[in-house]
């Protein structure tokens, strides 16, 4: 039974890793598209606002993959060290997936205030 449980956990970790790799490319792209659409629909013609929003979007594009890689490395190291179960793996993965969203909210808030 323990071999089956270990196989299922390894399969779920692999599935989460593949999902995270897909999100590495999808989340920054969708954030940049959202910021560009918001700026293009904005009535503000401030060049400083537009350039700062663009720099914030590019910063998110470069930071997000690093956050994902560090998060998955931490998840794997923690699982190997503590031999933790699926609950800890899911919690850590959800935290890793929501970090770029929090970064986006912070950058968007700073940009548009």
C-alpha atoms as a PDB file:
ATOM      1  CA  UNK A   1       0.000   0.000   0.000  1.00  0.00           C
ATOM      2  CA  UNK A   2       2.851   2.395   0.722  1.00  0.00           C
ATOM      3  CA  UNK A   3       4.250   1.873  -2.778  1.00  0.00           C
ATOM      4  CA  UNK A   4       0.884   2.869  -4.262  1.00  0.00           C
ATOM      5  CA  UNK A   5       0.721   5.940  -2.021  1.00  0.00           C
ATOM      6  CA  UNK A   6       4.269   6.967  -2.985  1.00  0.00           C
ATOM      7  CA  UNK A   7       3.469   6.481  -6.676  1.00  0.00           C
ATOM      8  CA  UNK A   8       0.328   8.609  -6.401  1.00  0.00           C
ATOM      9  CA  UNK A   9       2.229  11.344  -4.547  1.00  0.00           C
ATOM     10  CA  UNK A  10       4.983  11.321  -7.164  1.00  0.00           C
ATOM     11  CA  UNK A  11       2.418  11.496  -9.956  1.00  0.00           C
ATOM     12  CA  UNK A  12       0.643  14.418  -8.271  1.00  0.00           C
ATOM     13  CA  UNK A  13       3.928  16.219  -7.732  1.00  0.00           C
ATOM     14  CA  UNK A  14       4.784  15.736 -11.405  1.00  0.00           C
ATOM     15  CA  UNK A  15       1.336  17.009 -12.429  1.00  0.00           C
ATOM     16  CA  UNK A  16       1.731  20.069 -10.197  1.00  0.00           C
ATOM     17  CA  UNK A  17       5.199  20.674 -11.617  1.00  0.00           C
ATOM     18  CA  UNK A  18       3.862  20.547 -15.181  1.00  0.00           C
ATOM     19  CA  UNK A  19       1.014  22.868 -14.188  1.00  0.00           C
ATOM     20  CA  UNK A  20       3.520  25.256 -12.616  1.00  0.00           C
ATOM     21  CA  UNK A  21       5.679  25.244 -15.739  1.00  0.00           C
ATOM     22  CA  UNK A  22       2.613  26.064 -17.846  1.00  0.00           C
ATOM     23  CA  UNK A  23       1.718  28.865 -15.440  1.00  0.00           C
ATOM     24  CA  UNK A  24       5.256  30.266 -15.724  1.00  0.00           C
ATOM     25  CA  UNK A  25       4.420  31.191 -19.301  1.00  0.00           C
ATOM     26  CA  UNK A  26       0.714  31.959 -18.928  1.00  0.00           C
ATOM     27  CA  UNK A  27       0.558  34.193 -15.846  1.00  0.00           C
ATOM     28  CA  UNK A  28       3.138  36.814 -16.907  1.00  0.00           C
ATOM     29  CA  UNK A  29       1.696  36.945 -20.420  1.00  0.00           C
ATOM     30  CA  UNK A  30      -1.846  37.478 -19.148  1.00  0.00           C
ATOM     31  CA  UNK A  31      -0.667  40.132 -16.677  1.00  0.00           C
ATOM     32  CA  UNK A  32       1.193  42.046 -19.385  1.00  0.00           C
ATOM     33  CA  UNK A  33      -1.792  41.854 -21.735  1.00  0.00           C
ATOM     34  CA  UNK A  34      -4.105  43.080 -18.969  1.00  0.00           C
ATOM     35  CA  UNK A  35      -1.843  46.028 -18.131  1.00  0.00           C
ATOM     36  CA  UNK A  36      -1.441  46.976 -21.794  1.00  0.00           C
ATOM     37  CA  UNK A  37      -5.209  46.841 -22.372  1.00  0.00           C
ATOM     38  CA  UNK A  38      -5.878  48.868 -19.241  1.00  0.00           C
ATOM     39  CA  UNK A  39      -3.368  51.535 -20.257  1.00  0.00           C
ATOM     40  CA  UNK A  40      -4.661  51.703 -23.831  1.00  0.00           C
ATOM     41  CA  UNK A  41      -8.235  52.234 -22.555  1.00  0.00           C
ATOM     42  CA  UNK A  42      -7.118  54.770 -19.966  1.00  0.00           C
ATOM     43  CA  UNK A  43      -7.819  58.449 -20.611  1.00  0.00           C
ATOM     44  CA  UNK A  44      -4.549  59.423 -18.973  1.00  0.00           C
ATOM     45  CA  UNK A  45      -1.934  60.553 -21.443  1.00  0.00           C
ATOM     46  CA  UNK A  46       0.869  60.651 -18.904  1.00  0.00           C
ATOM     47  CA  UNK A  47       4.024  59.184 -20.404  1.00  0.00           C
ATOM     48  CA  UNK A  48       5.476  58.564 -16.939  1.00  0.00           C
ATOM     49  CA  UNK A  49       2.446  56.494 -15.924  1.00  0.00           C
ATOM     50  CA  UNK A  50       2.616  54.393 -19.069  1.00  0.00           C
ATOM     51  CA  UNK A  51       6.359  53.785 -18.851  1.00  0.00           C
ATOM     52  CA  UNK A  52       6.162  52.882 -15.151  1.00  0.00           C
ATOM     53  CA  UNK A  53       3.301  50.458 -15.783  1.00  0.00           C
ATOM     54  CA  UNK A  54       5.279  48.868 -18.609  1.00  0.00           C
ATOM     55  CA  UNK A  55       8.341  48.543 -16.363  1.00  0.00           C
ATOM     56  CA  UNK A  56       6.168  46.970 -13.661  1.00  0.00           C
ATOM     57  CA  UNK A  57       4.790  44.463 -16.156  1.00  0.00           C
ATOM     58  CA  UNK A  58       8.278  43.544 -17.345  1.00  0.00           C
ATOM     59  CA  UNK A  59       9.422  43.200 -13.736  1.00  0.00           C
ATOM     60  CA  UNK A  60       6.597  40.727 -13.092  1.00  0.00           C
ATOM     61  CA  UNK A  61       7.560  38.788 -16.228  1.00  0.00           C
ATOM     62  CA  UNK A  62      11.114  38.360 -14.943  1.00  0.00           C
ATOM     63  CA  UNK A  63      10.232  37.765 -11.276  1.00  0.00           C
ATOM     64  CA  UNK A  64       7.423  35.215 -11.770  1.00  0.00           C
ATOM     65  CA  UNK A  65       9.544  32.352 -13.205  1.00  0.00           C
ATOM     66  CA  UNK A  66      12.099  32.833 -10.434  1.00  0.00           C
ATOM     67  CA  UNK A  67       9.349  32.684  -7.805  1.00  0.00           C
ATOM     68  CA  UNK A  68       7.926  29.501  -9.336  1.00  0.00           C
ATOM     69  CA  UNK A  69      11.313  27.779  -9.564  1.00  0.00           C
ATOM     70  CA  UNK A  70      12.217  28.674  -5.977  1.00  0.00           C
ATOM     71  CA  UNK A  71       8.793  27.568  -4.754  1.00  0.00           C
ATOM     72  CA  UNK A  72       8.944  24.181  -6.464  1.00  0.00           C
ATOM     73  CA  UNK A  73      12.528  23.643  -5.320  1.00  0.00           C
ATOM     74  CA  UNK A  74      11.418  24.447  -1.762  1.00  0.00           C
ATOM     75  CA  UNK A  75       8.433  22.094  -2.046  1.00  0.00           C
ATOM     76  CA  UNK A  76      10.616  19.245  -3.282  1.00  0.00           C
ATOM     77  CA  UNK A  77      13.318  19.836  -0.668  1.00  0.00           C
ATOM     78  CA  UNK A  78      10.756  20.039   2.120  1.00  0.00           C
ATOM     79  CA  UNK A  79       9.024  16.871   0.968  1.00  0.00           C
ATOM     80  CA  UNK A  80      12.281  14.955   0.804  1.00  0.00           C
ATOM     81  CA  UNK A  81      13.488  16.295   4.163  1.00  0.00           C
ATOM     82  CA  UNK A  82      10.289  15.818   6.166  1.00  0.00           C
ATOM     83  CA  UNK A  83       8.661  13.164   3.996  1.00  0.00           C
ATOM     84  CA  UNK A  84       5.496  15.230   4.186  1.00  0.00           C
ATOM     85  CA  UNK A  85       2.240  14.176   2.624  1.00  0.00           C
ATOM     86  CA  UNK A  86      -0.009  15.585  -0.043  1.00  0.00           C
ATOM     87  CA  UNK A  87      -1.599  18.215   2.228  1.00  0.00           C
ATOM     88  CA  UNK A  88       1.691  20.035   2.700  1.00  0.00           C
ATOM     89  CA  UNK A  89       2.446  19.726  -1.011  1.00  0.00           C
ATOM     90  CA  UNK A  90      -0.905  21.249  -1.984  1.00  0.00           C
ATOM     91  CA  UNK A  91      -0.591  24.111   0.527  1.00  0.00           C
ATOM     92  CA  UNK A  92       2.909  24.997  -0.656  1.00  0.00           C
ATOM     93  CA  UNK A  93       1.858  24.830  -4.302  1.00  0.00           C
ATOM     94  CA  UNK A  94      -1.144  27.108  -3.733  1.00  0.00           C
ATOM     95  CA  UNK A  95       1.119  29.623  -2.024  1.00  0.00           C
ATOM     96  CA  UNK A  96       3.522  29.422  -4.966  1.00  0.00           C
ATOM     97  CA  UNK A  97       0.697  30.004  -7.445  1.00  0.00           C
ATOM     98  CA  UNK A  98      -0.721  33.026  -5.608  1.00  0.00           C
ATOM     99  CA  UNK A  99       2.586  34.890  -5.142  1.00  0.00           C
ATOM    100  CA  UNK A 100       2.581  36.335  -8.716  1.00  0.00           C
ATOM    101  CA  UNK A 101      -1.026  37.474  -8.247  1.00  0.00           C
ATOM    102  CA  UNK A 102       0.005  39.354  -5.097  1.00  0.00           C
ATOM    103  CA  UNK A 103       2.956  40.863  -6.974  1.00  0.00           C
ATOM    104  CA  UNK A 104       0.594  41.986  -9.720  1.00  0.00           C
ATOM    105  CA  UNK A 105      -1.751  43.655  -7.221  1.00  0.00           C
ATOM    106  CA  UNK A 106       1.158  45.472  -5.569  1.00  0.00           C
ATOM    107  CA  UNK A 107       2.653  46.699  -8.861  1.00  0.00           C
ATOM    108  CA  UNK A 108      -0.758  47.682 -10.252  1.00  0.00           C
ATOM    109  CA  UNK A 109      -1.602  49.520  -7.030  1.00  0.00           C
ATOM    110  CA  UNK A 110       1.676  51.438  -7.051  1.00  0.00           C
ATOM    111  CA  UNK A 111       1.307  52.187 -10.756  1.00  0.00           C
ATOM    112  CA  UNK A 112      -2.204  53.566 -10.703  1.00  0.00           C
ATOM    113  CA  UNK A 113      -2.186  55.517  -7.415  1.00  0.00           C
END
